[in-house]
Amino acid sequence: MTLPSITTEQLRAVLSGPPENAAPWLQLAAEQGLPEAQTRFGQLLLEGRGVDRNLQQAFRWFTRAARAEHPMAMNMLGRCYELGWGVAADPIVAVYWYRLAALAGSDWGMYNYATA
């Protein structure tokens, strides 16, 4: 299944509305390979907003988006490794992803890398 055509305004409305309305769209967009959607869907899964909380699936989506060089996904992958969200905690790997996020311009990546 492919994404339906959607205007920028419609997309903003979906993403700013209830997470249970955004989740199906984000999941489909994530499955289509869009790193921003993979990151946002991972965040919903991590927090259990609009979907059942699933740390392993959140980790999976963050990984896919981070490998596509999405700065926030790199930072979130670092958080997963730091805190053991969906993966065994590994502070060395966490710092690796924080560094990449920082180099890619993520302010949270910079903060997490500096404080690691």
PDB file of N, CA and C in Angstrom:
ATOM      1  N   MET A   1       0.841  -1.174   0.000  1.00  0.00           N
ATOM      2  CA  MET A   1       0.000   0.000   0.000  1.00  0.00           C
ATOM      3  C   MET A   1       0.890   1.242   0.000  1.00  0.00           C
ATOM      4  N   THR A   2       0.525   2.224  -0.775  1.00  0.00           N
ATOM      5  CA  THR A   2       1.291   3.459  -0.827  1.00  0.00           C
ATOM      6  C   THR A   2       0.543   4.551  -0.071  1.00  0.00           C
ATOM      7  N   LEU A   3       1.290   5.591   0.244  1.00  0.00           N
ATOM      8  CA  LEU A   3       0.704   6.713   0.966  1.00  0.00           C
ATOM      9  C   LEU A   3      -0.313   7.435   0.100  1.00  0.00           C
ATOM     10  N   PRO A   4      -1.438   7.836   0.710  1.00  0.00           N
ATOM     11  CA  PRO A   4      -2.379   8.653  -0.056  1.00  0.00           C
ATOM     12  C   PRO A   4      -1.810  10.051  -0.248  1.00  0.00           C
ATOM     13  N   SER A   5      -2.281  10.729  -1.270  1.00  0.00           N
ATOM     14  CA  SER A   5      -1.855  12.102  -1.506  1.00  0.00           C
ATOM     15  C   SER A   5      -2.387  12.977  -0.377  1.00  0.00           C
ATOM     16  N   ILE A   6      -1.529  13.838   0.145  1.00  0.00           N
ATOM     17  CA  ILE A   6      -1.915  14.685   1.268  1.00  0.00           C
ATOM     18  C   ILE A   6      -1.219  16.034   1.112  1.00  0.00           C
ATOM     19  N   THR A   7      -1.947  17.096   1.399  1.00  0.00           N
ATOM     20  CA  THR A   7      -1.345  18.419   1.314  1.00  0.00           C
ATOM     21  C   THR A   7      -0.551  18.697   2.587  1.00  0.00           C
ATOM     22  N   THR A   8       0.281  19.703   2.522  1.00  0.00           N
ATOM     23  CA  THR A   8       1.065  20.102   3.695  1.00  0.00           C
ATOM     24  C   THR A   8       0.146  20.478   4.846  1.00  0.00           C
ATOM     25  N   GLU A   9      -0.925  21.178   4.557  1.00  0.00           N
ATOM     26  CA  GLU A   9      -1.878  21.592   5.592  1.00  0.00           C
ATOM     27  C   GLU A   9      -2.561  20.377   6.221  1.00  0.00           C
ATOM     28  N   GLN A  10      -2.950  19.418   5.387  1.00  0.00           N
ATOM     29  CA  GLN A  10      -3.575  18.206   5.906  1.00  0.00           C
ATOM     30  C   GLN A  10      -2.600  17.420   6.776  1.00  0.00           C
ATOM     31  N   LEU A  11      -1.342  17.365   6.351  1.00  0.00           N
ATOM     32  CA  LEU A  11      -0.325  16.668   7.127  1.00  0.00           C
ATOM     33  C   LEU A  11      -0.144  17.331   8.486  1.00  0.00           C
ATOM     34  N   ARG A  12      -0.055  18.651   8.492  1.00  0.00           N
ATOM     35  CA  ARG A  12       0.082  19.376   9.770  1.00  0.00           C
ATOM     36  C   ARG A  12      -1.088  19.079  10.689  1.00  0.00           C
ATOM     37  N   ALA A  13      -2.297  19.048  10.123  1.00  0.00           N
ATOM     38  CA  ALA A  13      -3.493  18.777  10.930  1.00  0.00           C
ATOM     39  C   ALA A  13      -3.446  17.375  11.523  1.00  0.00           C
ATOM     40  N   VAL A  14      -3.034  16.396  10.728  1.00  0.00           N
ATOM     41  CA  VAL A  14      -2.934  15.016  11.226  1.00  0.00           C
ATOM     42  C   VAL A  14      -1.903  14.924  12.337  1.00  0.00           C
ATOM     43  N   LEU A  15      -0.735  15.525  12.134  1.00  0.00           N
ATOM     44  CA  LEU A  15       0.346  15.410  13.110  1.00  0.00           C
ATOM     45  C   LEU A  15       0.100  16.231  14.368  1.00  0.00           C
ATOM     46  N   SER A  16      -0.706  17.282  14.277  1.00  0.00           N
ATOM     47  CA  SER A  16      -0.969  18.097  15.461  1.00  0.00           C
ATOM     48  C   SER A  16      -2.199  17.612  16.222  1.00  0.00           C
ATOM     49  N   GLY A  17      -2.927  16.678  15.656  1.00  0.00           N
ATOM     50  CA  GLY A  17      -4.118  16.152  16.301  1.00  0.00           C
ATOM     51  C   GLY A  17      -3.787  15.014  17.258  1.00  0.00           C
ATOM     52  N   PRO A  18      -4.800  14.265  17.638  1.00  0.00           N
ATOM     53  CA  PRO A  18      -4.588  13.145  18.564  1.00  0.00           C
ATOM     54  C   PRO A  18      -3.606  12.115  17.990  1.00  0.00           C
ATOM     55  N   PRO A  19      -2.708  11.594  18.828  1.00  0.00           N
ATOM     56  CA  PRO A  19      -1.707  10.642  18.323  1.00  0.00           C
ATOM     57  C   PRO A  19      -2.325   9.390  17.712  1.00  0.00           C
ATOM     58  N   GLU A  20      -3.500   8.990  18.175  1.00  0.00           N
ATOM     59  CA  GLU A  20      -4.118   7.795  17.585  1.00  0.00           C
ATOM     60  C   GLU A  20      -4.551   8.044  16.145  1.00  0.00           C
ATOM     61  N   ASN A  21      -4.749   9.306  15.754  1.00  0.00           N
ATOM     62  CA  ASN A  21      -5.040   9.622  14.354  1.00  0.00           C
ATOM     63  C   ASN A  21      -3.766   9.689  13.522  1.00  0.00           C
ATOM     64  N   ALA A  22      -2.688  10.156  14.117  1.00  0.00           N
ATOM     65  CA  ALA A  22      -1.417  10.279  13.409  1.00  0.00           C
ATOM     66  C   ALA A  22      -0.705   8.940  13.256  1.00  0.00           C
ATOM     67  N   ALA A  23      -0.869   8.056  14.227  1.00  0.00           N
ATOM     68  CA  ALA A  23      -0.106   6.802  14.250  1.00  0.00           C
ATOM     69  C   ALA A  23      -0.254   5.969  12.971  1.00  0.00           C
ATOM     70  N   PRO A  24      -1.463   5.732  12.459  1.00  0.00           N
ATOM     71  CA  PRO A  24      -1.558   4.911  11.247  1.00  0.00           C
ATOM     72  C   PRO A  24      -0.843   5.549  10.051  1.00  0.00           C
ATOM     73  N   TRP A  25      -0.977   6.872   9.905  1.00  0.00           N
ATOM     74  CA  TRP A  25      -0.302   7.557   8.807  1.00  0.00           C
ATOM     75  C   TRP A  25       1.204   7.456   8.970  1.00  0.00           C
ATOM     76  N   LEU A  26       1.691   7.710  10.188  1.00  0.00           N
ATOM     77  CA  LEU A  26       3.134   7.640  10.434  1.00  0.00           C
ATOM     78  C   LEU A  26       3.672   6.233  10.206  1.00  0.00           C
ATOM     79  N   GLN A  27       2.910   5.231  10.624  1.00  0.00           N
ATOM     80  CA  GLN A  27       3.363   3.856  10.415  1.00  0.00           C
ATOM     81  C   GLN A  27       3.488   3.543   8.930  1.00  0.00           C
ATOM     82  N   LEU A  28       2.495   3.928   8.166  1.00  0.00           N
ATOM     83  CA  LEU A  28       2.538   3.678   6.722  1.00  0.00           C
ATOM     84  C   LEU A  28       3.703   4.423   6.079  1.00  0.00           C
ATOM     85  N   ALA A  29       3.883   5.687   6.465  1.00  0.00           N
ATOM     86  CA  ALA A  29       4.994   6.474   5.917  1.00  0.00           C
ATOM     87  C   ALA A  29       6.338   5.879   6.343  1.00  0.00           C
ATOM     88  N   ALA A  30       6.419   5.382   7.581  1.00  0.00           N
ATOM     89  CA  ALA A  30       7.651   4.738   8.054  1.00  0.00           C
ATOM     90  C   ALA A  30       7.944   3.490   7.233  1.00  0.00           C
ATOM     91  N   GLU A  31       6.914   2.709   6.982  1.00  0.00           N
ATOM     92  CA  GLU A  31       7.089   1.496   6.181  1.00  0.00           C
ATOM     93  C   GLU A  31       7.501   1.811   4.753  1.00  0.00           C
ATOM     94  N   GLN A  32       7.129   3.000   4.263  1.00  0.00           N
ATOM     95  CA  GLN A  32       7.514   3.445   2.915  1.00  0.00           C
ATOM     96  C   GLN A  32       8.951   3.958   2.889  1.00  0.00           C
ATOM     97  N   GLY A  33       9.595   4.059   4.069  1.00  0.00           N
ATOM     98  CA  GLY A  33      11.006   4.427   4.117  1.00  0.00           C
ATOM     99  C   GLY A  33      11.300   5.883   4.414  1.00  0.00           C
ATOM    100  N   LEU A  34      10.330   6.641   4.919  1.00  0.00           N
ATOM    101  CA  LEU A  34      10.554   8.052   5.220  1.00  0.00           C
ATOM    102  C   LEU A  34      11.172   8.204   6.620  1.00  0.00           C
ATOM    103  N   PRO A  35      12.428   8.641   6.705  1.00  0.00           N
ATOM    104  CA  PRO A  35      13.109   8.721   8.003  1.00  0.00           C
ATOM    105  C   PRO A  35      12.402   9.598   9.038  1.00  0.00           C
ATOM    106  N   GLU A  36      11.812  10.711   8.621  1.00  0.00           N
ATOM    107  CA  GLU A  36      11.090  11.564   9.579  1.00  0.00           C
ATOM    108  C   GLU A  36       9.918  10.800  10.185  1.00  0.00           C
ATOM    109  N   ALA A  37       9.184  10.081   9.358  1.00  0.00           N
ATOM    110  CA  ALA A  37       8.054   9.287   9.852  1.00  0.00           C
ATOM    111  C   ALA A  37       8.553   8.138  10.731  1.00  0.00           C
ATOM    112  N   GLN A  38       9.662   7.516  10.357  1.00  0.00           N
ATOM    113  CA  GLN A  38      10.223   6.438  11.183  1.00  0.00           C
ATOM    114  C   GLN A  38      10.573   6.961  12.572  1.00  0.00           C
ATOM    115  N   THR A  39      11.149   8.150  12.623  1.00  0.00           N
ATOM    116  CA  THR A  39      11.527   8.743  13.898  1.00  0.00           C
ATOM    117  C   THR A  39      10.293   9.096  14.720  1.00  0.00           C
ATOM    118  N   ARG A  40       9.324   9.743  14.094  1.00  0.00           N
ATOM    119  CA  ARG A  40       8.110  10.134  14.815  1.00  0.00           C
ATOM    120  C   ARG A  40       7.306   8.918  15.263  1.00  0.00           C
ATOM    121  N   PHE A  41       7.217   7.888  14.421  1.00  0.00           N
ATOM    122  CA  PHE A  41       6.487   6.681  14.806  1.00  0.00           C
ATOM    123  C   PHE A  41       7.225   5.976  15.940  1.00  0.00           C
ATOM    124  N   GLY A  42       8.554   5.945  15.871  1.00  0.00           N
ATOM    125  CA  GLY A  42       9.338   5.378  16.966  1.00  0.00           C
ATOM    126  C   GLY A  42       9.059   6.086  18.280  1.00  0.00           C
ATOM    127  N   GLN A  43       8.927   7.412  18.237  1.00  0.00           N
ATOM    128  CA  GLN A  43       8.639   8.188  19.442  1.00  0.00           C
ATOM    129  C   GLN A  43       7.268   7.815  20.009  1.00  0.00           C
ATOM    130  N   LEU A  44       6.271   7.648  19.133  1.00  0.00           N
ATOM    131  CA  LEU A  44       4.951   7.219  19.605  1.00  0.00           C
ATOM    132  C   LEU A  44       5.036   5.854  20.282  1.00  0.00           C
ATOM    133  N   LEU A  45       5.770   4.938  19.669  1.00  0.00           N
ATOM    134  CA  LEU A  45       5.927   3.605  20.249  1.00  0.00           C
ATOM    135  C   LEU A  45       6.671   3.661  21.585  1.00  0.00           C
ATOM    136  N   LEU A  46       7.680   4.499  21.658  1.00  0.00           N
ATOM    137  CA  LEU A  46       8.460   4.644  22.880  1.00  0.00           C
ATOM    138  C   LEU A  46       7.589   5.139  24.031  1.00  0.00           C
ATOM    139  N   GLU A  47       6.735   6.105  23.738  1.00  0.00           N
ATOM    140  CA  GLU A  47       5.910   6.732  24.764  1.00  0.00           C
ATOM    141  C   GLU A  47       4.547   6.072  24.942  1.00  0.00           C
ATOM    142  N   GLY A  48       4.161   5.206  24.010  1.00  0.00           N
ATOM    143  CA  GLY A  48       2.839   4.593  24.080  1.00  0.00           C
ATOM    144  C   GLY A  48       1.723   5.595  23.831  1.00  0.00           C
ATOM    145  N   ARG A  49       1.976   6.541  22.932  1.00  0.00           N
ATOM    146  CA  ARG A  49       0.960   7.547  22.586  1.00  0.00           C
ATOM    147  C   ARG A  49       0.295   7.174  21.265  1.00  0.00           C
ATOM    148  N   GLY A  50      -0.991   6.852  21.330  1.00  0.00           N
ATOM    149  CA  GLY A  50      -1.739   6.502  20.123  1.00  0.00           C
ATOM    150  C   GLY A  50      -1.537   5.073  19.668  1.00  0.00           C
ATOM    151  N   VAL A  51      -0.588   4.381  20.272  1.00  0.00           N
ATOM    152  CA  VAL A  51      -0.286   2.970  19.984  1.00  0.00           C
ATOM    153  C   VAL A  51       0.147   2.322  21.298  1.00  0.00           C
ATOM    154  N   ASP A  52       0.155   0.996  21.317  1.00  0.00           N
ATOM    155  CA  ASP A  52       0.685   0.303  22.486  1.00  0.00           C
ATOM    156  C   ASP A  52       2.176   0.571  22.597  1.00  0.00           C
ATOM    157  N   ARG A  53       2.646   0.768  23.819  1.00  0.00           N
ATOM    158  CA  ARG A  53       4.076   1.006  24.031  1.00  0.00           C
ATOM    159  C   ARG A  53       4.857  -0.246  23.634  1.00  0.00           C
ATOM    160  N   ASN A  54       5.900  -0.045  22.831  1.00  0.00           N
ATOM    161  CA  ASN A  54       6.706  -1.165  22.375  1.00  0.00           C
ATOM    162  C   ASN A  54       8.138  -0.670  22.171  1.00  0.00           C
ATOM    163  N   LEU A  55       8.974  -0.899  23.174  1.00  0.00           N
ATOM    164  CA  LEU A  55      10.341  -0.389  23.136  1.00  0.00           C
ATOM    165  C   LEU A  55      11.180  -1.047  22.054  1.00  0.00           C
ATOM    166  N   GLN A  56      10.950  -2.329  21.791  1.00  0.00           N
ATOM    167  CA  GLN A  56      11.729  -3.011  20.761  1.00  0.00           C
ATOM    168  C   GLN A  56      11.408  -2.449  19.378  1.00  0.00           C
ATOM    169  N   GLN A  57      10.137  -2.183  19.117  1.00  0.00           N
ATOM    170  CA  GLN A  57       9.762  -1.615  17.824  1.00  0.00           C
ATOM    171  C   GLN A  57      10.236  -0.168  17.706  1.00  0.00           C
ATOM    172  N   ALA A  58      10.180   0.577  18.801  1.00  0.00           N
ATOM    173  CA  ALA A  58      10.705   1.950  18.772  1.00  0.00           C
ATOM    174  C   ALA A  58      12.183   1.918  18.404  1.00  0.00           C
ATOM    175  N   PHE A  59      12.931   1.029  19.046  1.00  0.00           N
ATOM    176  CA  PHE A  59      14.359   0.874  18.752  1.00  0.00           C
ATOM    177  C   PHE A  59      14.556   0.537  17.280  1.00  0.00           C
ATOM    178  N   ARG A  60      13.737  -0.336  16.733  1.00  0.00           N
ATOM    179  CA  ARG A  60      13.838  -0.742  15.324  1.00  0.00           C
ATOM    180  C   ARG A  60      13.652   0.461  14.394  1.00  0.00           C
ATOM    181  N   TRP A  61      12.627   1.286  14.663  1.00  0.00           N
ATOM    182  CA  TRP A  61      12.375   2.437  13.795  1.00  0.00           C
ATOM    183  C   TRP A  61      13.448   3.498  13.948  1.00  0.00           C
ATOM    184  N   PHE A  62      13.925   3.733  15.171  1.00  0.00           N
ATOM    185  CA  PHE A  62      15.014   4.690  15.354  1.00  0.00           C
ATOM    186  C   PHE A  62      16.259   4.226  14.602  1.00  0.00           C
ATOM    187  N   THR A  63      16.524   2.929  14.636  1.00  0.00           N
ATOM    188  CA  THR A  63      17.692   2.379  13.948  1.00  0.00           C
ATOM    189  C   THR A  63      17.599   2.627  12.443  1.00  0.00           C
ATOM    190  N   ARG A  64      16.443   2.342  11.866  1.00  0.00           N
ATOM    191  CA  ARG A  64      16.282   2.535  10.421  1.00  0.00           C
ATOM    192  C   ARG A  64      16.484   3.998  10.039  1.00  0.00           C
ATOM    193  N   ALA A  65      15.885   4.913  10.814  1.00  0.00           N
ATOM    194  CA  ALA A  65      16.016   6.338  10.499  1.00  0.00           C
ATOM    195  C   ALA A  65      17.436   6.835  10.763  1.00  0.00           C
ATOM    196  N   ALA A  66      18.079   6.340  11.804  1.00  0.00           N
ATOM    197  CA  ALA A  66      19.456   6.757  12.107  1.00  0.00           C
ATOM    198  C   ALA A  66      20.405   6.310  11.007  1.00  0.00           C
ATOM    199  N   ARG A  67      20.184   5.130  10.476  1.00  0.00           N
ATOM    200  CA  ARG A  67      21.030   4.656   9.370  1.00  0.00           C
ATOM    201  C   ARG A  67      20.829   5.495   8.110  1.00  0.00           C
ATOM    202  N   ALA A  68      19.686   6.200   8.033  1.00  0.00           N
ATOM    203  CA  ALA A  68      19.434   7.124   6.929  1.00  0.00           C
ATOM    204  C   ALA A  68      19.918   8.529   7.290  1.00  0.00           C
ATOM    205  N   GLU A  69      20.670   8.630   8.372  1.00  0.00           N
ATOM    206  CA  GLU A  69      21.310   9.864   8.830  1.00  0.00           C
ATOM    207  C   GLU A  69      20.323  10.930   9.308  1.00  0.00           C
ATOM    208  N   HIS A  70      19.229  10.502   9.912  1.00  0.00           N
ATOM    209  CA  HIS A  70      18.272  11.439  10.501  1.00  0.00           C
ATOM    210  C   HIS A  70      18.807  11.847  11.878  1.00  0.00           C
ATOM    211  N   PRO A  71      19.127  13.123  12.084  1.00  0.00           N
ATOM    212  CA  PRO A  71      19.784  13.555  13.322  1.00  0.00           C
ATOM    213  C   PRO A  71      19.036  13.200  14.610  1.00  0.00           C
ATOM    214  N   MET A  72      17.729  13.439  14.656  1.00  0.00           N
ATOM    215  CA  MET A  72      17.000  13.128  15.897  1.00  0.00           C
ATOM    216  C   MET A  72      16.947  11.626  16.129  1.00  0.00           C
ATOM    217  N   ALA A  73      16.839  10.842  15.061  1.00  0.00           N
ATOM    218  CA  ALA A  73      16.840   9.390  15.223  1.00  0.00           C
ATOM    219  C   ALA A  73      18.179   8.914  15.775  1.00  0.00           C
ATOM    220  N   MET A  74      19.273   9.530  15.328  1.00  0.00           N
ATOM    221  CA  MET A  74      20.589   9.176  15.867  1.00  0.00           C
ATOM    222  C   MET A  74      20.630   9.446  17.370  1.00  0.00           C
ATOM    223  N   ASN A  75      20.108  10.593  17.777  1.00  0.00           N
ATOM    224  CA  ASN A  75      20.071  10.922  19.192  1.00  0.00           C
ATOM    225  C   ASN A  75      19.201   9.931  19.957  1.00  0.00           C
ATOM    226  N   MET A  76      18.025   9.613  19.415  1.00  0.00           N
ATOM    227  CA  MET A  76      17.127   8.686  20.100  1.00  0.00           C
ATOM    228  C   MET A  76      17.713   7.283  20.162  1.00  0.00           C
ATOM    229  N   LEU A  77      18.469   6.899  19.155  1.00  0.00           N
ATOM    230  CA  LEU A  77      19.142   5.608  19.204  1.00  0.00           C
ATOM    231  C   LEU A  77      20.170   5.612  20.334  1.00  0.00           C
ATOM    232  N   GLY A  78      20.871   6.735  20.497  1.00  0.00           N
ATOM    233  CA  GLY A  78      21.771   6.872  21.633  1.00  0.00           C
ATOM    234  C   GLY A  78      21.040   6.733  22.953  1.00  0.00           C
ATOM    235  N   ARG A  79      19.860   7.350  23.057  1.00  0.00           N
ATOM    236  CA  ARG A  79      19.063   7.232  24.291  1.00  0.00           C
ATOM    237  C   ARG A  79      18.678   5.781  24.552  1.00  0.00           C
ATOM    238  N   CYS A  80      18.302   5.080  23.480  1.00  0.00           N
ATOM    239  CA  CYS A  80      17.938   3.666  23.634  1.00  0.00           C
ATOM    240  C   CYS A  80      19.114   2.876  24.204  1.00  0.00           C
ATOM    241  N   TYR A  81      20.299   3.112  23.656  1.00  0.00           N
ATOM    242  CA  TYR A  81      21.475   2.396  24.149  1.00  0.00           C
ATOM    243  C   TYR A  81      21.864   2.856  25.552  1.00  0.00           C
ATOM    244  N   GLU A  82      21.697   4.128  25.844  1.00  0.00           N
ATOM    245  CA  GLU A  82      22.043   4.616  27.179  1.00  0.00           C
ATOM    246  C   GLU A  82      21.122   4.036  28.248  1.00  0.00           C
ATOM    247  N   LEU A  83      19.820   3.994  27.948  1.00  0.00           N
ATOM    248  CA  LEU A  83      18.832   3.639  28.958  1.00  0.00           C
ATOM    249  C   LEU A  83      18.284   2.223  28.827  1.00  0.00           C
ATOM    250  N   GLY A  84      18.738   1.481  27.820  1.00  0.00           N
ATOM    251  CA  GLY A  84      18.266   0.109  27.651  1.00  0.00           C
ATOM    252  C   GLY A  84      16.829   0.029  27.159  1.00  0.00           C
ATOM    253  N   TRP A  85      16.438   0.963  26.314  1.00  0.00           N
ATOM    254  CA  TRP A  85      15.089   0.943  25.742  1.00  0.00           C
ATOM    255  C   TRP A  85      15.079   0.062  24.501  1.00  0.00           C
ATOM    256  N   GLY A  86      14.576  -1.145  24.623  1.00  0.00           N
ATOM    257  CA  GLY A  86      14.456  -2.049  23.489  1.00  0.00           C
ATOM    258  C   GLY A  86      15.736  -2.741  23.082  1.00  0.00           C
ATOM    259  N   VAL A  87      16.798  -2.519  23.835  1.00  0.00           N
ATOM    260  CA  VAL A  87      18.110  -3.089  23.542  1.00  0.00           C
ATOM    261  C   VAL A  87      18.896  -3.106  24.855  1.00  0.00           C
ATOM    262  N   ALA A  88      19.875  -3.977  24.943  1.00  0.00           N
ATOM    263  CA  ALA A  88      20.721  -3.979  26.144  1.00  0.00           C
ATOM    264  C   ALA A  88      21.471  -2.652  26.245  1.00  0.00           C
ATOM    265  N   ALA A  89      21.508  -2.091  27.424  1.00  0.00           N
ATOM    266  CA  ALA A  89      22.210  -0.824  27.631  1.00  0.00           C
ATOM    267  C   ALA A  89      23.689  -0.991  27.287  1.00  0.00           C
ATOM    268  N   ASP A  90      24.229  -0.005  26.595  1.00  0.00           N
ATOM    269  CA  ASP A  90      25.637  -0.012  26.209  1.00  0.00           C
ATOM    270  C   ASP A  90      26.096   1.444  26.099  1.00  0.00           C
ATOM    271  N   PRO A  91      26.718   1.970  27.148  1.00  0.00           N
ATOM    272  CA  PRO A  91      27.083   3.386  27.139  1.00  0.00           C
ATOM    273  C   PRO A  91      28.072   3.772  26.042  1.00  0.00           C
ATOM    274  N   ILE A  92      28.915   2.859  25.630  1.00  0.00           N
ATOM    275  CA  ILE A  92      29.876   3.178  24.568  1.00  0.00           C
ATOM    276  C   ILE A  92      29.152   3.373  23.238  1.00  0.00           C
ATOM    277  N   VAL A  93      28.204   2.505  22.938  1.00  0.00           N
ATOM    278  CA  VAL A  93      27.433   2.647  21.704  1.00  0.00           C
ATOM    279  C   VAL A  93      26.548   3.887  21.788  1.00  0.00           C
ATOM    280  N   ALA A  94      26.025   4.186  22.976  1.00  0.00           N
ATOM    281  CA  ALA A  94      25.214   5.391  23.153  1.00  0.00           C
ATOM    282  C   ALA A  94      26.021   6.632  22.783  1.00  0.00           C
ATOM    283  N   VAL A  95      27.244   6.733  23.280  1.00  0.00           N
ATOM    284  CA  VAL A  95      28.092   7.886  22.984  1.00  0.00           C
ATOM    285  C   VAL A  95      28.391   7.963  21.484  1.00  0.00           C
ATOM    286  N   TYR A  96      28.596   6.814  20.855  1.00  0.00           N
ATOM    287  CA  TYR A  96      28.829   6.782  19.408  1.00  0.00           C
ATOM    288  C   TYR A  96      27.665   7.467  18.669  1.00  0.00           C
ATOM    289  N   TRP A  97      26.425   7.106  19.011  1.00  0.00           N
ATOM    290  CA  TRP A  97      25.267   7.683  18.328  1.00  0.00           C
ATOM    291  C   TRP A  97      25.046   9.135  18.715  1.00  0.00           C
ATOM    292  N   TYR A  98      25.335   9.496  19.972  1.00  0.00           N
ATOM    293  CA  TYR A  98      25.237  10.906  20.362  1.00  0.00           C
ATOM    294  C   TYR A  98      26.211  11.751  19.553  1.00  0.00           C
ATOM    295  N   ARG A  99      27.409  11.236  19.353  1.00  0.00           N
ATOM    296  CA  ARG A  99      28.414  11.973  18.583  1.00  0.00           C
ATOM    297  C   ARG A  99      27.943  12.190  17.149  1.00  0.00           C
ATOM    298  N   LEU A 100      27.420  11.138  16.534  1.00  0.00           N
ATOM    299  CA  LEU A 100      26.912  11.279  15.170  1.00  0.00           C
ATOM    300  C   LEU A 100      25.758  12.273  15.110  1.00  0.00           C
ATOM    301  N   ALA A 101      24.866  12.221  16.097  1.00  0.00           N
ATOM    302  CA  ALA A 101      23.742  13.160  16.144  1.00  0.00           C
ATOM    303  C   ALA A 101      24.253  14.590  16.288  1.00  0.00           C
ATOM    304  N   ALA A 102      25.247  14.778  17.148  1.00  0.00           N
ATOM    305  CA  ALA A 102      25.822  16.112  17.350  1.00  0.00           C
ATOM    306  C   ALA A 102      26.453  16.623  16.055  1.00  0.00           C
ATOM    307  N   LEU A 103      27.220  15.777  15.400  1.00  0.00           N
ATOM    308  CA  LEU A 103      27.860  16.173  14.140  1.00  0.00           C
ATOM    309  C   LEU A 103      26.843  16.485  13.051  1.00  0.00           C
ATOM    310  N   ALA A 104      25.662  15.858  13.145  1.00  0.00           N
ATOM    311  CA  ALA A 104      24.604  16.103  12.158  1.00  0.00           C
ATOM    312  C   ALA A 104      23.774  17.332  12.505  1.00  0.00           C
ATOM    313  N   GLY A 105      24.076  17.965  13.649  1.00  0.00           N
ATOM    314  CA  GLY A 105      23.398  19.209  13.998  1.00  0.00           C
ATOM    315  C   GLY A 105      22.282  19.103  15.010  1.00  0.00           C
ATOM    316  N   SER A 106      22.069  17.936  15.602  1.00  0.00           N
ATOM    317  CA  SER A 106      21.018  17.788  16.615  1.00  0.00           C
ATOM    318  C   SER A 106      21.441  18.465  17.914  1.00  0.00           C
ATOM    319  N   ASP A 107      20.631  19.428  18.379  1.00  0.00           N
ATOM    320  CA  ASP A 107      20.961  20.081  19.640  1.00  0.00           C
ATOM    321  C   ASP A 107      20.908  19.107  20.810  1.00  0.00           C
ATOM    322  N   TRP A 108      19.946  18.198  20.792  1.00  0.00           N
ATOM    323  CA  TRP A 108      19.905  17.173  21.846  1.00  0.00           C
ATOM    324  C   TRP A 108      21.090  16.234  21.740  1.00  0.00           C
ATOM    325  N   GLY A 109      21.506  15.922  20.519  1.00  0.00           N
ATOM    326  CA  GLY A 109      22.694  15.101  20.329  1.00  0.00           C
ATOM    327  C   GLY A 109      23.925  15.780  20.905  1.00  0.00           C
ATOM    328  N   MET A 110      24.035  17.098  20.671  1.00  0.00           N
ATOM    329  CA  MET A 110      25.156  17.860  21.223  1.00  0.00           C
ATOM    330  C   MET A 110      25.140  17.827  22.753  1.00  0.00           C
ATOM    331  N   TYR A 111      23.973  18.046  23.318  1.00  0.00           N
ATOM    332  CA  TYR A 111      23.835  18.031  24.782  1.00  0.00           C
ATOM    333  C   TYR A 111      24.189  16.651  25.340  1.00  0.00           C
ATOM    334  N   ASN A 112      23.592  15.614  24.760  1.00  0.00           N
ATOM    335  CA  ASN A 112      23.830  14.269  25.274  1.00  0.00           C
ATOM    336  C   ASN A 112      25.285  13.832  25.088  1.00  0.00           C
ATOM    337  N   TYR A 113      25.888  14.223  23.974  1.00  0.00           N
ATOM    338  CA  TYR A 113      27.290  13.896  23.743  1.00  0.00           C
ATOM    339  C   TYR A 113      28.176  14.621  24.755  1.00  0.00           C
ATOM    340  N   ALA A 114      27.872  15.886  24.984  1.00  0.00           N
ATOM    341  CA  ALA A 114      28.686  16.684  25.934  1.00  0.00           C
ATOM    342  C   ALA A 114      28.556  16.160  27.357  1.00  0.00           C
ATOM    343  N   THR A 115      27.373  15.710  27.733  1.00  0.00           N
ATOM    344  CA  THR A 115      27.174  15.248  29.116  1.00  0.00           C
ATOM    345  C   THR A 115      27.526  13.775  29.299  1.00  0.00           C
ATOM    346  N   ALA A 116      27.746  13.073  28.202  1.00  0.00           N
ATOM    347  CA  ALA A 116      28.129  11.656  28.317  1.00  0.00           C
ATOM    348  C   ALA A 116      29.559  11.565  28.793  1.00  0.00           C
TER     349      ALA A 116
END
